[in-house]
PDB file of all heavy atoms in Angstrom:
ATOM      1  N   PRO A   1      48.965  44.887 -53.878  1.00  0.00           N
ATOM      2  CA  PRO A   1      47.969  43.816 -53.923  1.00  0.00           C
ATOM      3  C   PRO A   1      48.596  42.478 -53.498  1.00  0.00           C
ATOM      4  O   PRO A   1      49.648  42.101 -53.992  1.00  0.00           O
ATOM      5  CB  PRO A   1      47.558  43.761 -55.415  1.00  0.00           C
ATOM      6  CG  PRO A   1      48.210  44.959 -56.054  1.00  0.00           C
ATOM      7  CD  PRO A   1      49.361  45.341 -55.213  1.00  0.00           C
ATOM      8  N   VAL A   2      47.922  41.786 -52.575  1.00  0.00           N
ATOM      9  CA  VAL A   2      48.341  40.457 -52.175  1.00  0.00           C
ATOM     10  C   VAL A   2      47.093  39.556 -52.150  1.00  0.00           C
ATOM     11  O   VAL A   2      45.978  40.048 -52.066  1.00  0.00           O
ATOM     12  CB  VAL A   2      49.009  40.464 -50.760  1.00  0.00           C
ATOM     13  CG1 VAL A   2      50.263  41.318 -50.761  1.00  0.00           C
ATOM     14  CG2 VAL A   2      48.018  40.912 -49.674  1.00  0.00           C
ATOM     15  N   LEU A   3      47.315  38.261 -52.217  1.00  0.00           N
ATOM     16  CA  LEU A   3      46.213  37.334 -52.157  1.00  0.00           C
ATOM     17  C   LEU A   3      46.076  36.810 -50.758  1.00  0.00           C
ATOM     18  O   LEU A   3      46.947  36.081 -50.247  1.00  0.00           O
ATOM     19  CB  LEU A   3      46.435  36.173 -53.143  1.00  0.00           C
ATOM     20  CG  LEU A   3      45.227  35.231 -53.296  1.00  0.00           C
ATOM     21  CD1 LEU A   3      44.041  35.977 -53.887  1.00  0.00           C
ATOM     22  CD2 LEU A   3      45.598  34.043 -54.166  1.00  0.00           C
ATOM     23  N   LEU A   4      44.986  37.211 -50.067  1.00  0.00           N
ATOM     24  CA  LEU A   4      44.833  36.893 -48.663  1.00  0.00           C
ATOM     25  C   LEU A   4      44.768  35.384 -48.437  1.00  0.00           C
ATOM     26  O   LEU A   4      45.299  34.890 -47.419  1.00  0.00           O
ATOM     27  CB  LEU A   4      43.586  37.584 -48.137  1.00  0.00           C
ATOM     28  CG  LEU A   4      43.403  37.609 -46.628  1.00  0.00           C
ATOM     29  CD1 LEU A   4      44.622  38.162 -45.914  1.00  0.00           C
ATOM     30  CD2 LEU A   4      42.163  38.437 -46.261  1.00  0.00           C
ATOM     31  N   GLY A   5      44.149  34.653 -49.350  1.00  0.00           N
ATOM     32  CA  GLY A   5      44.127  33.218 -49.229  1.00  0.00           C
ATOM     33  C   GLY A   5      45.521  32.611 -49.205  1.00  0.00           C
ATOM     34  O   GLY A   5      45.815  31.688 -48.457  1.00  0.00           O
ATOM     35  N   GLY A   6      46.400  33.174 -50.031  1.00  0.00           N
ATOM     36  CA  GLY A   6      47.778  32.720 -50.051  1.00  0.00           C
ATOM     37  C   GLY A   6      48.519  33.072 -48.792  1.00  0.00           C
ATOM     38  O   GLY A   6      49.336  32.293 -48.279  1.00  0.00           O
ATOM     39  N   VAL A   7      48.242  34.269 -48.263  1.00  0.00           N
ATOM     40  CA  VAL A   7      48.853  34.675 -46.981  1.00  0.00           C
ATOM     41  C   VAL A   7      48.402  33.720 -45.864  1.00  0.00           C
ATOM     42  O   VAL A   7      49.220  33.248 -45.071  1.00  0.00           O
ATOM     43  CB  VAL A   7      48.442  36.136 -46.633  1.00  0.00           C
ATOM     44  CG1 VAL A   7      48.876  36.478 -45.224  1.00  0.00           C
ATOM     45  CG2 VAL A   7      49.059  37.101 -47.621  1.00  0.00           C
ATOM     46  N   PHE A   8      47.107  33.454 -45.811  1.00  0.00           N
ATOM     47  CA  PHE A   8      46.602  32.540 -44.776  1.00  0.00           C
ATOM     48  C   PHE A   8      47.224  31.161 -44.877  1.00  0.00           C
ATOM     49  O   PHE A   8      47.617  30.547 -43.888  1.00  0.00           O
ATOM     50  CB  PHE A   8      45.078  32.414 -44.872  1.00  0.00           C
ATOM     51  CG  PHE A   8      44.312  33.637 -44.375  1.00  0.00           C
ATOM     52  CD1 PHE A   8      42.968  33.770 -44.653  1.00  0.00           C
ATOM     53  CD2 PHE A   8      44.931  34.615 -43.618  1.00  0.00           C
ATOM     54  CE1 PHE A   8      42.251  34.873 -44.179  1.00  0.00           C
ATOM     55  CE2 PHE A   8      44.227  35.704 -43.124  1.00  0.00           C
ATOM     56  CZ  PHE A   8      42.879  35.830 -43.410  1.00  0.00           C
ATOM     57  N   LYS A   9      47.325  30.649 -46.104  1.00  0.00           N
ATOM     58  CA  LYS A   9      47.894  29.331 -46.292  1.00  0.00           C
ATOM     59  C   LYS A   9      49.358  29.274 -45.853  1.00  0.00           C
ATOM     60  O   LYS A   9      49.781  28.328 -45.199  1.00  0.00           O
ATOM     61  CB  LYS A   9      47.778  28.920 -47.755  1.00  0.00           C
ATOM     62  CG  LYS A   9      48.265  27.513 -48.031  1.00  0.00           C
ATOM     63  CD  LYS A   9      48.034  27.122 -49.504  1.00  0.00           C
ATOM     64  CE  LYS A   9      48.528  25.714 -49.773  1.00  0.00           C
ATOM     65  NZ  LYS A   9      48.297  25.309 -51.197  1.00  0.00           N
ATOM     66  N   ALA A  10      50.095  30.323 -46.172  1.00  0.00           N
ATOM     67  CA  ALA A  10      51.530  30.356 -45.844  1.00  0.00           C
ATOM     68  C   ALA A  10      51.784  30.536 -44.377  1.00  0.00           C
ATOM     69  O   ALA A  10      52.855  30.155 -43.864  1.00  0.00           O
ATOM     70  CB  ALA A  10      52.230  31.469 -46.638  1.00  0.00           C
ATOM     71  N   THR A  11      50.834  31.144 -43.642  1.00  0.00           N
ATOM     72  CA  THR A  11      51.046  31.451 -42.236  1.00  0.00           C
ATOM     73  C   THR A  11      50.164  30.638 -41.285  1.00  0.00           C
ATOM     74  O   THR A  11      50.191  30.826 -40.077  1.00  0.00           O
ATOM     75  CB  THR A  11      50.763  32.942 -41.971  1.00  0.00           C
ATOM     76  OG1 THR A  11      49.409  33.256 -42.348  1.00  0.00           O
ATOM     77  CG2 THR A  11      51.721  33.833 -42.777  1.00  0.00           C
ATOM     78  N   ASN A  12      49.390  29.728 -41.875  1.00  0.00           N
ATOM     79  CA  ASN A  12      48.443  28.905 -41.091  1.00  0.00           C
ATOM     80  C   ASN A  12      47.464  29.760 -40.312  1.00  0.00           C
ATOM     81  O   ASN A  12      47.079  29.449 -39.196  1.00  0.00           O
ATOM     82  CB  ASN A  12      49.197  27.977 -40.122  1.00  0.00           C
ATOM     83  CG  ASN A  12      48.366  26.813 -39.617  1.00  0.00           C
ATOM     84  OD1 ASN A  12      47.495  26.347 -40.375  1.00  0.00           O
ATOM     85  ND2 ASN A  12      48.596  26.347 -38.424  1.00  0.00           N
ATOM     86  N   ASN A  13      47.040  30.843 -40.949  1.00  0.00           N
ATOM     87  CA  ASN A  13      46.098  31.782 -40.346  1.00  0.00           C
ATOM     88  C   ASN A  13      44.713  31.533 -40.930  1.00  0.00           C
ATOM     89  O   ASN A  13      44.550  30.841 -41.974  1.00  0.00           O
ATOM     90  CB  ASN A  13      46.533  33.234 -40.630  1.00  0.00           C
ATOM     91  CG  ASN A  13      45.798  34.244 -39.758  1.00  0.00           C
ATOM     92  OD1 ASN A  13      45.108  33.873 -38.809  1.00  0.00           O
ATOM     93  ND2 ASN A  13      45.975  35.526 -40.092  1.00  0.00           N
ATOM     94  N   VAL A  14      43.675  32.081 -40.286  1.00  0.00           N
ATOM     95  CA  VAL A  14      42.304  32.007 -40.791  1.00  0.00           C
ATOM     96  C   VAL A  14      41.665  33.371 -40.636  1.00  0.00           C
ATOM     97  O   VAL A  14      42.144  34.234 -39.901  1.00  0.00           O
ATOM     98  CB  VAL A  14      41.445  30.952 -40.031  1.00  0.00           C
ATOM     99  CG1 VAL A  14      41.970  29.549 -40.286  1.00  0.00           C
ATOM    100  CG2 VAL A  14      41.392  31.261 -38.552  1.00  0.00           C
ATOM    101  N   SER A  15      40.562  33.582 -41.317  1.00  0.00           N
ATOM    102  CA  SER A  15      39.864  34.877 -41.255  1.00  0.00           C
ATOM    103  C   SER A  15      39.179  35.039 -39.919  1.00  0.00           C
ATOM    104  O   SER A  15      38.863  34.038 -39.235  1.00  0.00           O
ATOM    105  CB  SER A  15      38.824  34.952 -42.374  1.00  0.00           C
ATOM    106  OG  SER A  15      37.724  34.121 -42.086  1.00  0.00           O
ATOM    107  N   PRO A  16      38.900  36.285 -39.508  1.00  0.00           N
ATOM    108  CA  PRO A  16      38.149  36.496 -38.265  1.00  0.00           C
ATOM    109  C   PRO A  16      36.778  35.798 -38.258  1.00  0.00           C
ATOM    110  O   PRO A  16      36.297  35.403 -37.189  1.00  0.00           O
ATOM    111  CB  PRO A  16      37.977  38.026 -38.218  1.00  0.00           C
ATOM    112  CG  PRO A  16      39.123  38.560 -38.996  1.00  0.00           C
ATOM    113  CD  PRO A  16      39.333  37.561 -40.097  1.00  0.00           C
ATOM    114  N   ALA A  17      36.176  35.655 -39.423  1.00  0.00           N
ATOM    115  CA  ALA A  17      34.878  34.975 -39.502  1.00  0.00           C
ATOM    116  C   ALA A  17      34.982  33.542 -38.985  1.00  0.00           C
ATOM    117  O   ALA A  17      34.036  33.007 -38.438  1.00  0.00           O
ATOM    118  CB  ALA A  17      34.361  34.979 -40.936  1.00  0.00           C
ATOM    119  N   VAL A  18      36.176  32.971 -39.131  1.00  0.00           N
ATOM    120  CA  VAL A  18      36.422  31.618 -38.629  1.00  0.00           C
ATOM    121  C   VAL A  18      36.955  31.645 -37.217  1.00  0.00           C
ATOM    122  O   VAL A  18      36.446  30.952 -36.334  1.00  0.00           O
ATOM    123  CB  VAL A  18      37.403  30.872 -39.563  1.00  0.00           C
ATOM    124  CG1 VAL A  18      37.766  29.500 -38.970  1.00  0.00           C
ATOM    125  CG2 VAL A  18      36.823  30.706 -40.946  1.00  0.00           C
ATOM    126  N   SER A  19      37.921  32.499 -36.979  1.00  0.00           N
ATOM    127  CA  SER A  19      38.592  32.494 -35.654  1.00  0.00           C
ATOM    128  C   SER A  19      37.673  32.967 -34.530  1.00  0.00           C
ATOM    129  O   SER A  19      37.876  32.575 -33.364  1.00  0.00           O
ATOM    130  CB  SER A  19      39.841  33.375 -35.702  1.00  0.00           C
ATOM    131  OG  SER A  19      39.519  34.724 -35.904  1.00  0.00           O
ATOM    132  N   LEU A  20      36.679  33.813 -34.838  1.00  0.00           N
ATOM    133  CA  LEU A  20      35.791  34.342 -33.811  1.00  0.00           C
ATOM    134  C   LEU A  20      34.539  33.481 -33.614  1.00  0.00           C
ATOM    135  O   LEU A  20      33.764  33.738 -32.682  1.00  0.00           O
ATOM    136  CB  LEU A  20      35.388  35.753 -34.149  1.00  0.00           C
ATOM    137  CG  LEU A  20      36.484  36.811 -34.205  1.00  0.00           C
ATOM    138  CD1 LEU A  20      35.919  38.167 -34.595  1.00  0.00           C
ATOM    139  CD2 LEU A  20      37.232  36.906 -32.869  1.00  0.00           C
ATOM    140  N   ARG A  21      34.368  32.494 -34.457  1.00  0.00           N
ATOM    141  CA  ARG A  21      33.145  31.682 -34.382  1.00  0.00           C
ATOM    142  C   ARG A  21      33.052  30.953 -33.034  1.00  0.00           C
ATOM    143  O   ARG A  21      34.008  30.282 -32.631  1.00  0.00           O
ATOM    144  CB  ARG A  21      33.128  30.694 -35.544  1.00  0.00           C
ATOM    145  CG  ARG A  21      31.817  29.917 -35.695  1.00  0.00           C
ATOM    146  CD  ARG A  21      31.910  28.985 -36.891  1.00  0.00           C
ATOM    147  NE  ARG A  21      32.119  29.728 -38.134  1.00  0.00           N
ATOM    148  CZ  ARG A  21      32.776  29.234 -39.174  1.00  0.00           C
ATOM    149  NH1 ARG A  21      33.283  27.995 -39.146  1.00  0.00           N
ATOM    150  NH2 ARG A  21      32.919  29.945 -40.262  1.00  0.00           N
ATOM    151  N   GLY A  22      31.913  31.120 -32.386  1.00  0.00           N
ATOM    152  CA  GLY A  22      31.696  30.419 -31.143  1.00  0.00           C
ATOM    153  C   GLY A  22      32.273  31.069 -29.911  1.00  0.00           C
ATOM    154  O   GLY A  22      32.129  30.569 -28.779  1.00  0.00           O
ATOM    155  N   ILE A  23      32.963  32.180 -30.101  1.00  0.00           N
ATOM    156  CA  ILE A  23      33.574  32.896 -28.944  1.00  0.00           C
ATOM    157  C   ILE A  23      32.596  33.929 -28.409  1.00  0.00           C
ATOM    158  O   ILE A  23      32.078  34.771 -29.152  1.00  0.00           O
ATOM    159  CB  ILE A  23      34.884  33.578 -29.347  1.00  0.00           C
ATOM    160  CG1 ILE A  23      35.908  32.547 -29.807  1.00  0.00           C
ATOM    161  CG2 ILE A  23      35.442  34.397 -28.178  1.00  0.00           C
ATOM    162  CD1 ILE A  23      37.220  33.128 -30.284  1.00  0.00           C
ATOM    163  N   ARG A  24      32.327  33.885 -27.118  1.00  0.00           N
ATOM    164  CA  ARG A  24      31.393  34.817 -26.533  1.00  0.00           C
ATOM    165  C   ARG A  24      32.033  36.184 -26.294  1.00  0.00           C
ATOM    166  O   ARG A  24      33.200  36.257 -25.851  1.00  0.00           O
ATOM    167  CB  ARG A  24      30.900  34.251 -25.201  1.00  0.00           C
ATOM    168  CG  ARG A  24      29.861  35.127 -24.507  1.00  0.00           C
ATOM    169  CD  ARG A  24      29.364  34.486 -23.227  1.00  0.00           C
ATOM    170  NE  ARG A  24      28.425  35.340 -22.510  1.00  0.00           N
ATOM    171  CZ  ARG A  24      27.868  35.028 -21.358  1.00  0.00           C
ATOM    172  NH1 ARG A  24      28.167  33.875 -20.762  1.00  0.00           N
ATOM    173  NH2 ARG A  24      27.045  35.868 -20.783  1.00  0.00           N
ATOM    174  N   ASN A  25      31.331  37.229 -26.646  1.00  0.00           N
ATOM    175  CA  ASN A  25      31.672  38.645 -26.391  1.00  0.00           C
ATOM    176  C   ASN A  25      32.708  39.222 -27.379  1.00  0.00           C
ATOM    177  O   ASN A  25      32.644  40.427 -27.654  1.00  0.00           O
ATOM    178  CB  ASN A  25      32.184  38.865 -24.961  1.00  0.00           C
ATOM    179  CG  ASN A  25      31.122  38.627 -23.938  1.00  0.00           C
ATOM    180  OD1 ASN A  25      29.940  38.780 -24.239  1.00  0.00           O
ATOM    181  ND2 ASN A  25      31.508  38.280 -22.732  1.00  0.00           N
ATOM    182  N   LYS A  26      33.656  38.447 -27.870  1.00  0.00           N
ATOM    183  CA  LYS A  26      34.698  38.998 -28.706  1.00  0.00           C
ATOM    184  C   LYS A  26      34.145  39.547 -30.038  1.00  0.00           C
ATOM    185  O   LYS A  26      34.550  40.661 -30.434  1.00  0.00           O
ATOM    186  CB  LYS A  26      35.816  37.964 -28.961  1.00  0.00           C
ATOM    187  CG  LYS A  26      37.037  38.615 -29.597  1.00  0.00           C
ATOM    188  CD  LYS A  26      38.213  37.644 -29.634  1.00  0.00           C
ATOM    189  CE  LYS A  26      39.449  38.288 -30.247  1.00  0.00           C
ATOM    190  NZ  LYS A  26      40.590  37.358 -30.302  1.00  0.00           N
ATOM    191  N   PRO A  27      33.278  38.815 -30.746  1.00  0.00           N
ATOM    192  CA  PRO A  27      32.717  39.408 -31.993  1.00  0.00           C
ATOM    193  C   PRO A  27      31.983  40.718 -31.722  1.00  0.00           C
ATOM    194  O   PRO A  27      32.065  41.654 -32.526  1.00  0.00           O
ATOM    195  CB  PRO A  27      31.776  38.311 -32.488  1.00  0.00           C
ATOM    196  CG  PRO A  27      32.304  37.045 -31.902  1.00  0.00           C
ATOM    197  CD  PRO A  27      32.821  37.444 -30.558  1.00  0.00           C
ATOM    198  N   GLU A  28      31.243  40.784 -30.617  1.00  0.00           N
ATOM    199  CA  GLU A  28      30.543  42.015 -30.287  1.00  0.00           C
ATOM    200  C   GLU A  28      31.538  43.157 -30.049  1.00  0.00           C
ATOM    201  O   GLU A  28      31.275  44.310 -30.431  1.00  0.00           O
ATOM    202  CB  GLU A  28      29.663  41.800 -29.040  1.00  0.00           C
ATOM    203  CG  GLU A  28      28.477  40.900 -29.258  1.00  0.00           C
ATOM    204  CD  GLU A  28      28.821  39.409 -29.268  1.00  0.00           C
ATOM    205  OE1 GLU A  28      29.992  39.047 -28.964  1.00  0.00           O
ATOM    206  OE2 GLU A  28      27.939  38.597 -29.583  1.00  0.00           O
TER     207      GLU A  28
END
């Protein structure tokens, strides 16, 4: 078990829901 929010904070990452926002074709 890991806390994904903590992983994102430590690595400066974001969820796909954020990273794919506004990108054409990739979410599909």
